[in-house]
C-alpha atoms as a PDB file:
ATOM      1  CA  MET A   1      65.577  67.747  49.089  1.00  0.00           C
ATOM      2  CA  GLU A   2      68.661  69.944  49.043  1.00  0.00           C
ATOM      3  CA  TYR A   3      70.662  71.538  46.242  1.00  0.00           C
ATOM      4  CA  ARG A   4      74.380  70.862  46.336  1.00  0.00           C
ATOM      5  CA  SER A   5      77.384  71.151  44.026  1.00  0.00           C
ATOM      6  CA  ILE A   6      80.758  69.515  43.601  1.00  0.00           C
ATOM      7  CA  GLU A   7      83.965  70.399  41.759  1.00  0.00           C
ATOM      8  CA  ILE A   8      85.026  67.690  39.296  1.00  0.00           C
ATOM      9  CA  ASN A   9      87.059  67.613  36.083  1.00  0.00           C
ATOM     10  CA  GLY A  10      87.776  71.337  36.267  1.00  0.00           C
ATOM     11  CA  GLY A  11      84.146  72.416  36.593  1.00  0.00           C
ATOM     12  CA  THR A  12      81.105  72.435  38.845  1.00  0.00           C
ATOM     13  CA  LEU A  13      78.265  69.934  38.769  1.00  0.00           C
ATOM     14  CA  ALA A  14      75.118  71.020  40.598  1.00  0.00           C
ATOM     15  CA  TYR A  15      72.634  68.433  41.782  1.00  0.00           C
ATOM     16  CA  ALA A  16      69.478  67.946  43.813  1.00  0.00           C
ATOM     17  CA  GLU A  17      69.775  65.341  46.566  1.00  0.00           C
ATOM     18  CA  TYR A  18      66.887  63.469  48.171  1.00  0.00           C
ATOM     19  CA  GLU A  19      67.500  61.411  51.319  1.00  0.00           C
ATOM     20  CA  GLY A  20      67.222  57.643  51.428  1.00  0.00           C
ATOM     21  CA  SER A  21      68.799  54.672  53.150  1.00  0.00           C
ATOM     22  CA  LYS A  22      68.795  51.584  50.892  1.00  0.00           C
ATOM     23  CA  GLY A  23      71.330  52.735  48.327  1.00  0.00           C
ATOM     24  CA  VAL A  24      72.043  55.483  45.826  1.00  0.00           C
ATOM     25  CA  ILE A  25      70.290  56.238  42.544  1.00  0.00           C
ATOM     26  CA  ILE A  26      71.941  58.799  40.268  1.00  0.00           C
ATOM     27  CA  GLY A  27      69.718  60.417  37.664  1.00  0.00           C
ATOM     28  CA  VAL A  28      70.582  62.329  34.494  1.00  0.00           C
ATOM     29  CA  HIS A  29      68.151  64.366  32.392  1.00  0.00           C
ATOM     30  CA  GLY A  30      67.658  64.848  28.669  1.00  0.00           C
ATOM     31  CA  LEU A  31      69.258  67.075  26.032  1.00  0.00           C
ATOM     32  CA  THR A  32      67.783  70.449  27.029  1.00  0.00           C
ATOM     33  CA  GLY A  33      66.678  69.476  30.532  1.00  0.00           C
ATOM     34  CA  ASN A  34      68.021  69.813  34.037  1.00  0.00           C
ATOM     35  CA  SER A  35      67.792  68.073  37.412  1.00  0.00           C
ATOM     36  CA  LYS A  36      64.106  68.956  37.787  1.00  0.00           C
ATOM     37  CA  GLN A  37      63.236  66.731  34.831  1.00  0.00           C
ATOM     38  CA  LEU A  38      63.443  63.633  37.043  1.00  0.00           C
ATOM     39  CA  HIS A  39      61.332  65.145  39.838  1.00  0.00           C
ATOM     40  CA  TYR A  40      58.549  62.550  39.751  1.00  0.00           C
ATOM     41  CA  TYR A  41      60.968  59.613  39.786  1.00  0.00           C
ATOM     42  CA  ALA A  42      62.943  61.169  42.634  1.00  0.00           C
ATOM     43  CA  GLU A  43      59.697  61.587  44.577  1.00  0.00           C
ATOM     44  CA  LEU A  44      58.797  57.970  43.802  1.00  0.00           C
ATOM     45  CA  LEU A  45      62.079  56.521  45.062  1.00  0.00           C
ATOM     46  CA  LYS A  46      63.262  58.900  47.791  1.00  0.00           C
ATOM     47  CA  GLY A  47      63.182  57.653  51.346  1.00  0.00           C
ATOM     48  CA  ASP A  48      64.044  54.155  50.229  1.00  0.00           C
ATOM     49  CA  TYR A  49      66.896  55.460  48.094  1.00  0.00           C
ATOM     50  CA  ARG A  50      69.201  58.439  48.192  1.00  0.00           C
ATOM     51  CA  PHE A  51      68.392  60.023  44.838  1.00  0.00           C
ATOM     52  CA  ILE A  52      70.895  62.387  43.218  1.00  0.00           C
ATOM     53  CA  SER A  53      69.546  64.289  40.212  1.00  0.00           C
ATOM     54  CA  ILE A  54      72.243  66.109  38.271  1.00  0.00           C
ATOM     55  CA  ASP A  55      72.453  69.260  36.165  1.00  0.00           C
ATOM     56  CA  LEU A  56      74.824  68.330  33.357  1.00  0.00           C
ATOM     57  CA  ARG A  57      77.357  70.960  32.334  1.00  0.00           C
ATOM     58  CA  GLY A  58      75.697  73.681  30.341  1.00  0.00           C
ATOM     59  CA  ARG A  59      72.389  73.269  32.178  1.00  0.00           C
ATOM     60  CA  GLY A  60      70.823  74.457  35.404  1.00  0.00           C
ATOM     61  CA  ASN A  61      73.390  75.662  37.930  1.00  0.00           C
ATOM     62  CA  SER A  62      76.340  73.643  36.653  1.00  0.00           C
ATOM     63  CA  SER A  63      79.353  75.076  34.827  1.00  0.00           C
ATOM     64  CA  ALA A  64      79.155  75.995  31.167  1.00  0.00           C
ATOM     65  CA  ALA A  65      79.567  73.206  28.634  1.00  0.00           C
ATOM     66  CA  THR A  66      83.129  72.403  27.596  1.00  0.00           C
ATOM     67  CA  GLU A  67      84.593  72.785  24.122  1.00  0.00           C
ATOM     68  CA  ASN A  68      84.502  69.013  23.659  1.00  0.00           C
ATOM     69  CA  THR A  69      80.997  68.602  25.078  1.00  0.00           C
ATOM     70  CA  GLY A  70      79.185  65.421  24.113  1.00  0.00           C
ATOM     71  CA  ILE A  71      78.100  62.094  25.551  1.00  0.00           C
ATOM     72  CA  GLU A  72      81.689  61.053  26.311  1.00  0.00           C
ATOM     73  CA  GLN A  73      82.465  64.249  28.257  1.00  0.00           C
ATOM     74  CA  HIS A  74      79.267  63.941  30.300  1.00  0.00           C
ATOM     75  CA  THR A  75      80.068  60.272  30.931  1.00  0.00           C
ATOM     76  CA  GLN A  76      83.447  61.205  32.377  1.00  0.00           C
ATOM     77  CA  ASP A  77      81.785  63.816  34.597  1.00  0.00           C
ATOM     78  CA  ILE A  78      79.374  61.255  36.055  1.00  0.00           C
ATOM     79  CA  ILE A  79      82.204  58.800  36.676  1.00  0.00           C
ATOM     80  CA  ALA A  80      84.167  61.535  38.446  1.00  0.00           C
ATOM     81  CA  LEU A  81      81.139  62.480  40.547  1.00  0.00           C
ATOM     82  CA  ILE A  82      80.621  58.859  41.650  1.00  0.00           C
ATOM     83  CA  ASP A  83      84.243  58.678  42.750  1.00  0.00           C
ATOM     84  CA  ALA A  84      84.270  62.105  44.406  1.00  0.00           C
ATOM     85  CA  LEU A  85      81.135  61.344  46.448  1.00  0.00           C
ATOM     86  CA  ASN A  86      82.480  57.869  47.354  1.00  0.00           C
ATOM     87  CA  ILE A  87      79.314  56.211  46.074  1.00  0.00           C
ATOM     88  CA  GLU A  88      79.401  52.426  46.125  1.00  0.00           C
ATOM     89  CA  ASN A  89      77.299  50.236  43.839  1.00  0.00           C
ATOM     90  CA  PRO A  90      75.123  52.984  42.344  1.00  0.00           C
ATOM     91  CA  ILE A  91      71.920  52.448  40.419  1.00  0.00           C
ATOM     92  CA  LEU A  92      71.877  54.677  37.342  1.00  0.00           C
ATOM     93  CA  MET A  93      68.828  56.306  35.769  1.00  0.00           C
ATOM     94  CA  GLY A  94      68.944  58.253  32.519  1.00  0.00           C
ATOM     95  CA  TYR A  95      66.211  59.955  30.534  1.00  0.00           C
ATOM     96  CA  SER A  96      66.691  60.497  26.784  1.00  0.00           C
ATOM     97  CA  MET A  97      70.291  61.761  26.441  1.00  0.00           C
ATOM     98  CA  GLY A  98      70.760  60.746  30.058  1.00  0.00           C
ATOM     99  CA  GLY A  99      70.063  57.167  29.000  1.00  0.00           C
ATOM    100  CA  PHE A 100      72.907  57.312  26.469  1.00  0.00           C
ATOM    101  CA  ILE A 101      75.215  58.668  29.165  1.00  0.00           C
ATOM    102  CA  MET A 102      74.260  56.292  31.952  1.00  0.00           C
ATOM    103  CA  ALA A 103      74.556  53.195  29.761  1.00  0.00           C
ATOM    104  CA  LYS A 104      78.036  54.337  28.823  1.00  0.00           C
ATOM    105  CA  VAL A 105      78.923  54.913  32.476  1.00  0.00           C
ATOM    106  CA  ALA A 106      77.788  51.355  33.223  1.00  0.00           C
ATOM    107  CA  SER A 107      79.930  50.058  30.362  1.00  0.00           C
ATOM    108  CA  LYS A 108      83.013  51.557  32.001  1.00  0.00           C
ATOM    109  CA  ARG A 109      82.436  50.457  35.629  1.00  0.00           C
ATOM    110  CA  ASP A 110      81.971  47.073  37.226  1.00  0.00           C
ATOM    111  CA  ASP A 111      80.291  48.374  40.387  1.00  0.00           C
ATOM    112  CA  VAL A 112      76.978  49.535  38.874  1.00  0.00           C
ATOM    113  CA  LYS A 113      74.023  47.559  40.283  1.00  0.00           C
ATOM    114  CA  GLY A 114      71.571  48.378  37.502  1.00  0.00           C
ATOM    115  CA  VAL A 115      70.576  50.894  34.844  1.00  0.00           C
ATOM    116  CA  ILE A 116      67.128  52.361  34.200  1.00  0.00           C
ATOM    117  CA  ILE A 117      66.839  53.884  30.728  1.00  0.00           C
ATOM    118  CA  LEU A 118      63.875  56.160  30.194  1.00  0.00           C
ATOM    119  CA  ASP A 119      63.501  56.300  26.401  1.00  0.00           C
ATOM    120  CA  GLY A 120      67.139  56.718  25.377  1.00  0.00           C
ATOM    121  CA  ALA A 121      70.368  54.904  24.446  1.00  0.00           C
ATOM    122  CA  ALA A 122      69.010  54.026  21.008  1.00  0.00           C
ATOM    123  CA  THR A 123      70.308  54.085  17.447  1.00  0.00           C
ATOM    124  CA  CYS A 124      69.599  57.519  15.948  1.00  0.00           C
ATOM    125  CA  THR A 125      68.674  58.363  12.366  1.00  0.00           C
ATOM    126  CA  ASP A 126      67.214  61.358  10.548  1.00  0.00           C
ATOM    127  CA  HIS A 127      63.912  60.472  12.244  1.00  0.00           C
ATOM    128  CA  GLN A 128      65.128  61.918  15.564  1.00  0.00           C
ATOM    129  CA  ARG A 129      66.815  64.884  13.907  1.00  0.00           C
ATOM    130  CA  GLN A 130      63.574  65.976  12.243  1.00  0.00           C
ATOM    131  CA  ILE A 131      61.749  65.959  15.571  1.00  0.00           C
ATOM    132  CA  VAL A 132      64.411  67.473  17.838  1.00  0.00           C
ATOM    133  CA  GLU A 133      66.258  70.128  15.845  1.00  0.00           C
ATOM    134  CA  PRO A 134      63.319  72.495  15.106  1.00  0.00           C
ATOM    135  CA  SER A 135      62.817  73.074  18.843  1.00  0.00           C
ATOM    136  CA  LEU A 136      66.394  74.081  19.635  1.00  0.00           C
ATOM    137  CA  GLY A 137      66.227  77.630  18.263  1.00  0.00           C
ATOM    138  CA  ARG A 138      64.379  78.867  21.358  1.00  0.00           C
ATOM    139  CA  ILE A 139      67.555  78.403  23.410  1.00  0.00           C
ATOM    140  CA  SER A 140      69.221  81.426  21.801  1.00  0.00           C
ATOM    141  CA  LYS A 141      66.214  83.760  21.965  1.00  0.00           C
ATOM    142  CA  HIS A 142      66.030  86.767  24.275  1.00  0.00           C
ATOM    143  CA  TYR A 143      62.891  87.514  26.293  1.00  0.00           C
ATOM    144  CA  GLU A 144      61.824  90.748  27.916  1.00  0.00           C
ATOM    145  CA  SER A 145      60.737  88.955  31.080  1.00  0.00           C
ATOM    146  CA  ALA A 146      60.719  85.556  32.737  1.00  0.00           C
ATOM    147  CA  GLU A 147      56.963  85.474  32.188  1.00  0.00           C
ATOM    148  CA  ALA A 148      57.424  85.935  28.428  1.00  0.00           C
ATOM    149  CA  TYR A 149      59.708  82.910  28.352  1.00  0.00           C
ATOM    150  CA  LEU A 150      57.268  80.860  30.395  1.00  0.00           C
ATOM    151  CA  GLU A 151      54.411  81.755  28.050  1.00  0.00           C
ATOM    152  CA  GLU A 152      56.397  80.511  25.058  1.00  0.00           C
ATOM    153  CA  ILE A 153      57.434  77.214  26.577  1.00  0.00           C
ATOM    154  CA  LYS A 154      53.926  76.697  27.952  1.00  0.00           C
ATOM    155  CA  LYS A 155      52.703  76.719  24.351  1.00  0.00           C
ATOM    156  CA  ILE A 156      55.535  74.429  23.236  1.00  0.00           C
ATOM    157  CA  TYR A 157      54.856  71.850  25.932  1.00  0.00           C
ATOM    158  CA  SER A 158      51.100  72.034  25.411  1.00  0.00           C
ATOM    159  CA  ASN A 159      51.705  71.135  21.767  1.00  0.00           C
ATOM    160  CA  LEU A 160      53.766  68.166  23.004  1.00  0.00           C
ATOM    161  CA  GLY A 161      50.880  66.893  25.102  1.00  0.00           C
ATOM    162  CA  VAL A 162      52.243  68.042  28.466  1.00  0.00           C
ATOM    163  CA  VAL A 163      49.829  69.609  30.969  1.00  0.00           C
ATOM    164  CA  TRP A 164      51.182  72.872  32.358  1.00  0.00           C
ATOM    165  CA  ASP A 165      51.210  72.968  36.158  1.00  0.00           C
ATOM    166  CA  ASP A 166      53.213  74.398  39.062  1.00  0.00           C
ATOM    167  CA  HIS A 167      55.986  71.849  38.568  1.00  0.00           C
ATOM    168  CA  MET A 168      56.327  72.731  34.886  1.00  0.00           C
ATOM    169  CA  GLU A 169      56.556  76.399  35.823  1.00  0.00           C
ATOM    170  CA  SER A 170      59.333  75.613  38.305  1.00  0.00           C
ATOM    171  CA  VAL A 171      61.196  73.734  35.548  1.00  0.00           C
ATOM    172  CA  GLY A 172      60.885  76.743  33.245  1.00  0.00           C
ATOM    173  CA  ARG A 173      62.066  79.222  35.849  1.00  0.00           C
ATOM    174  CA  TYR A 174      65.056  77.068  36.730  1.00  0.00           C
ATOM    175  CA  GLU A 175      66.351  76.961  33.148  1.00  0.00           C
ATOM    176  CA  ILE A 176      66.506  80.735  32.553  1.00  0.00           C
ATOM    177  CA  THR A 177      68.538  83.646  33.860  1.00  0.00           C
ATOM    178  CA  GLU A 178      68.601  87.429  33.504  1.00  0.00           C
ATOM    179  CA  VAL A 179      71.429  88.820  31.351  1.00  0.00           C
ATOM    180  CA  ASP A 180      71.925  92.520  30.529  1.00  0.00           C
ATOM    181  CA  GLY A 181      68.271  93.394  31.025  1.00  0.00           C
ATOM    182  CA  HIS A 182      66.764  90.426  29.194  1.00  0.00           C
ATOM    183  CA  TRP A 183      66.021  86.789  30.037  1.00  0.00           C
ATOM    184  CA  GLU A 184      67.457  83.794  28.252  1.00  0.00           C
ATOM    185  CA  ASN A 185      67.946  80.058  28.615  1.00  0.00           C
ATOM    186  CA  LYS A 186      71.071  79.171  30.631  1.00  0.00           C
ATOM    187  CA  SER A 187      72.249  76.815  27.878  1.00  0.00           C
ATOM    188  CA  ASP A 188      74.258  77.631  24.768  1.00  0.00           C
ATOM    189  CA  GLU A 189      72.436  76.539  21.608  1.00  0.00           C
ATOM    190  CA  ALA A 190      75.637  75.638  19.760  1.00  0.00           C
ATOM    191  CA  LYS A 191      76.755  73.402  22.637  1.00  0.00           C
ATOM    192  CA  ILE A 192      73.335  71.763  22.868  1.00  0.00           C
ATOM    193  CA  ARG A 193      73.517  71.004  19.156  1.00  0.00           C
ATOM    194  CA  GLN A 194      77.010  69.599  19.661  1.00  0.00           C
ATOM    195  CA  ASP A 195      75.641  67.310  22.382  1.00  0.00           C
ATOM    196  CA  PHE A 196      72.828  66.233  20.079  1.00  0.00           C
ATOM    197  CA  GLN A 197      75.260  65.477  17.270  1.00  0.00           C
ATOM    198  CA  SER A 198      77.108  63.121  19.617  1.00  0.00           C
ATOM    199  CA  PHE A 199      74.001  60.904  19.606  1.00  0.00           C
ATOM    200  CA  TYR A 200      75.001  59.942  16.066  1.00  0.00           C
ATOM    201  CA  ASP A 201      78.456  58.773  17.105  1.00  0.00           C
ATOM    202  CA  TYR A 202      76.932  56.519  19.765  1.00  0.00           C
ATOM    203  CA  LYS A 203      76.949  52.829  18.949  1.00  0.00           C
ATOM    204  CA  PRO A 204      74.576  50.890  21.239  1.00  0.00           C
ATOM    205  CA  ALA A 205      76.116  47.578  20.154  1.00  0.00           C
ATOM    206  CA  GLU A 206      79.545  48.656  21.416  1.00  0.00           C
ATOM    207  CA  VAL A 207      78.219  50.184  24.630  1.00  0.00           C
ATOM    208  CA  PHE A 208      75.841  47.429  25.711  1.00  0.00           C
ATOM    209  CA  ALA A 209      78.291  44.648  24.885  1.00  0.00           C
ATOM    210  CA  ASN A 210      80.221  45.955  27.907  1.00  0.00           C
ATOM    211  CA  VAL A 211      77.281  46.447  30.283  1.00  0.00           C
ATOM    212  CA  GLU A 212      77.205  43.547  32.751  1.00  0.00           C
ATOM    213  CA  CYS A 213      74.478  44.738  35.130  1.00  0.00           C
ATOM    214  CA  PRO A 214      70.693  44.395  34.678  1.00  0.00           C
ATOM    215  CA  VAL A 215      69.049  47.003  32.445  1.00  0.00           C
ATOM    216  CA  LEU A 216      65.444  48.220  32.476  1.00  0.00           C
ATOM    217  CA  LEU A 217      64.469  49.938  29.220  1.00  0.00           C
ATOM    218  CA  VAL A 218      61.291  52.016  29.171  1.00  0.00           C
ATOM    219  CA  HIS A 219      60.132  52.784  25.623  1.00  0.00           C
ATOM    220  CA  SER A 220      57.595  55.586  25.105  1.00  0.00           C
ATOM    221  CA  THR A 221      55.413  54.789  22.102  1.00  0.00           C
ATOM    222  CA  GLY A 222      53.006  57.723  22.267  1.00  0.00           C
ATOM    223  CA  VAL A 223      52.848  60.376  19.571  1.00  0.00           C
ATOM    224  CA  ILE A 224      54.336  63.800  20.364  1.00  0.00           C
ATOM    225  CA  GLY A 225      51.543  66.151  19.415  1.00  0.00           C
ATOM    226  CA  ALA A 226      51.381  65.857  15.633  1.00  0.00           C
ATOM    227  CA  MET A 227      54.709  63.982  15.499  1.00  0.00           C
ATOM    228  CA  PRO A 228      55.423  60.257  15.893  1.00  0.00           C
ATOM    229  CA  ALA A 229      57.260  58.721  18.846  1.00  0.00           C
ATOM    230  CA  LEU A 230      60.853  59.930  19.125  1.00  0.00           C
ATOM    231  CA  PHE A 231      62.296  56.411  19.193  1.00  0.00           C
ATOM    232  CA  LEU A 232      60.676  53.685  17.130  1.00  0.00           C
ATOM    233  CA  ALA A 233      60.783  49.999  18.028  1.00  0.00           C
ATOM    234  CA  GLU A 234      63.621  49.386  15.582  1.00  0.00           C
ATOM    235  CA  SER A 235      65.655  52.141  17.246  1.00  0.00           C
ATOM    236  CA  TYR A 236      66.236  49.683  20.092  1.00  0.00           C
ATOM    237  CA  ASN A 237      67.261  46.647  18.027  1.00  0.00           C
ATOM    238  CA  ASP A 238      70.982  46.872  18.895  1.00  0.00           C
ATOM    239  CA  THR A 239      70.290  47.959  22.469  1.00  0.00           C
ATOM    240  CA  GLN A 240      68.223  44.836  23.080  1.00  0.00           C
ATOM    241  CA  GLN A 241      70.433  42.505  21.090  1.00  0.00           C
ATOM    242  CA  TYR A 242      73.717  43.347  22.797  1.00  0.00           C
ATOM    243  CA  ALA A 243      72.603  44.005  26.366  1.00  0.00           C
ATOM    244  CA  LYS A 244      73.195  40.819  28.338  1.00  0.00           C
ATOM    245  CA  ASN A 245      70.403  41.244  30.876  1.00  0.00           C
ATOM    246  CA  ILE A 246      67.704  43.617  29.655  1.00  0.00           C
ATOM    247  CA  HIS A 247      64.000  43.912  30.325  1.00  0.00           C
ATOM    248  CA  LYS A 248      62.005  46.228  28.061  1.00  0.00           C
ATOM    249  CA  ILE A 249      58.573  47.659  28.771  1.00  0.00           C
ATOM    250  CA  THR A 250      56.477  49.957  26.608  1.00  0.00           C
ATOM    251  CA  THR A 251      54.263  52.800  27.729  1.00  0.00           C
ATOM    252  CA  ASP A 252      51.701  54.880  25.844  1.00  0.00           C
ATOM    253  CA  SER A 253      53.274  58.022  27.290  1.00  0.00           C
ATOM    254  CA  ASN A 254      55.173  60.119  24.804  1.00  0.00           C
ATOM    255  CA  HIS A 255      58.820  61.066  25.182  1.00  0.00           C
ATOM    256  CA  TYR A 256      57.913  64.130  27.283  1.00  0.00           C
ATOM    257  CA  THR A 257      54.942  62.947  29.327  1.00  0.00           C
ATOM    258  CA  LEU A 258      57.176  60.075  30.469  1.00  0.00           C
ATOM    259  CA  VAL A 259      58.952  62.525  32.795  1.00  0.00           C
ATOM    260  CA  PHE A 260      56.524  65.418  33.146  1.00  0.00           C
ATOM    261  CA  GLU A 261      53.673  63.283  34.493  1.00  0.00           C
ATOM    262  CA  LYS A 262      53.339  60.785  37.322  1.00  0.00           C
ATOM    263  CA  ARG A 263      53.387  57.514  35.373  1.00  0.00           C
ATOM    264  CA  SER A 264      51.292  54.940  37.193  1.00  0.00           C
ATOM    265  CA  ASP A 265      51.922  52.487  34.341  1.00  0.00           C
ATOM    266  CA  VAL A 266      55.715  52.716  34.660  1.00  0.00           C
ATOM    267  CA  ASN A 267      56.317  53.331  38.367  1.00  0.00           C
ATOM    268  CA  PRO A 268      55.539  49.834  39.702  1.00  0.00           C
ATOM    269  CA  THR A 269      57.972  48.256  37.231  1.00  0.00           C
ATOM    270  CA  ILE A 270      60.729  50.664  38.252  1.00  0.00           C
ATOM    271  CA  LYS A 271      60.145  50.033  41.953  1.00  0.00           C
ATOM    272  CA  ASP A 272      60.166  46.267  41.371  1.00  0.00           C
ATOM    273  CA  PHE A 273      63.354  46.501  39.297  1.00  0.00           C
ATOM    274  CA  VAL A 274      65.347  48.380  41.938  1.00  0.00           C
ATOM    275  CA  LYS A 275      63.993  46.161  44.707  1.00  0.00           C
ATOM    276  CA  LYS A 276      65.389  43.071  43.003  1.00  0.00           C
ATOM    277  CA  LEU A 277      68.877  44.495  42.415  1.00  0.00           C
END
């Protein structure tokens, strides 16, 4: 795996690239994540597939978020990256917010072979807002050391049912930077909230009516600590109704363990899906 970057749409997109020979899979993370969030799926599919896992603007080592940041801006960045890297017939994978983005990319291109949505691209209500918004305040906090930040997010993820390990520590270290003698998250809280608000302008019926390729939807039904699943079954009503060729599976993982664990219940279905494309 190598870290690379590319200049598109007036900014820089950083990405991790894993080698493979059967085609290209492009992966996009969730709202507050980065390229490391799709680590286990990249490890699952590399070798067979060239896997490109992106840091969206405002995350990881990519440029800062734009003034008009939101799902549409990120969609345009992914489209520009596909063109700039001369990628033909990509398979798209999106987790959470990445699912919203990748479905929209597929709705705007006729060369996408398939889309894998990891618990995203749903209809949002106050249910999601009540779960997501309380956790966003940590993005603006200052920490006296990297270790202090890691201790806080270790507690947060433990409460979400995620086991802390070396990979989780690498995720935490990647998302922070030292600024004027303190440590802070690389993201801007106001821009993250702006991205989250764009979930509510997203209309799955309009997006999926224009998606022609096969879609695999993975729905996480597990509780998130003391909270319910982020997306309920009814959240996917329009997604399933308007997608022309969609296969949905459910998993007892929660929204976070879906990406921060090796999912033996999900992995065979994903491998079978891409094999048939």
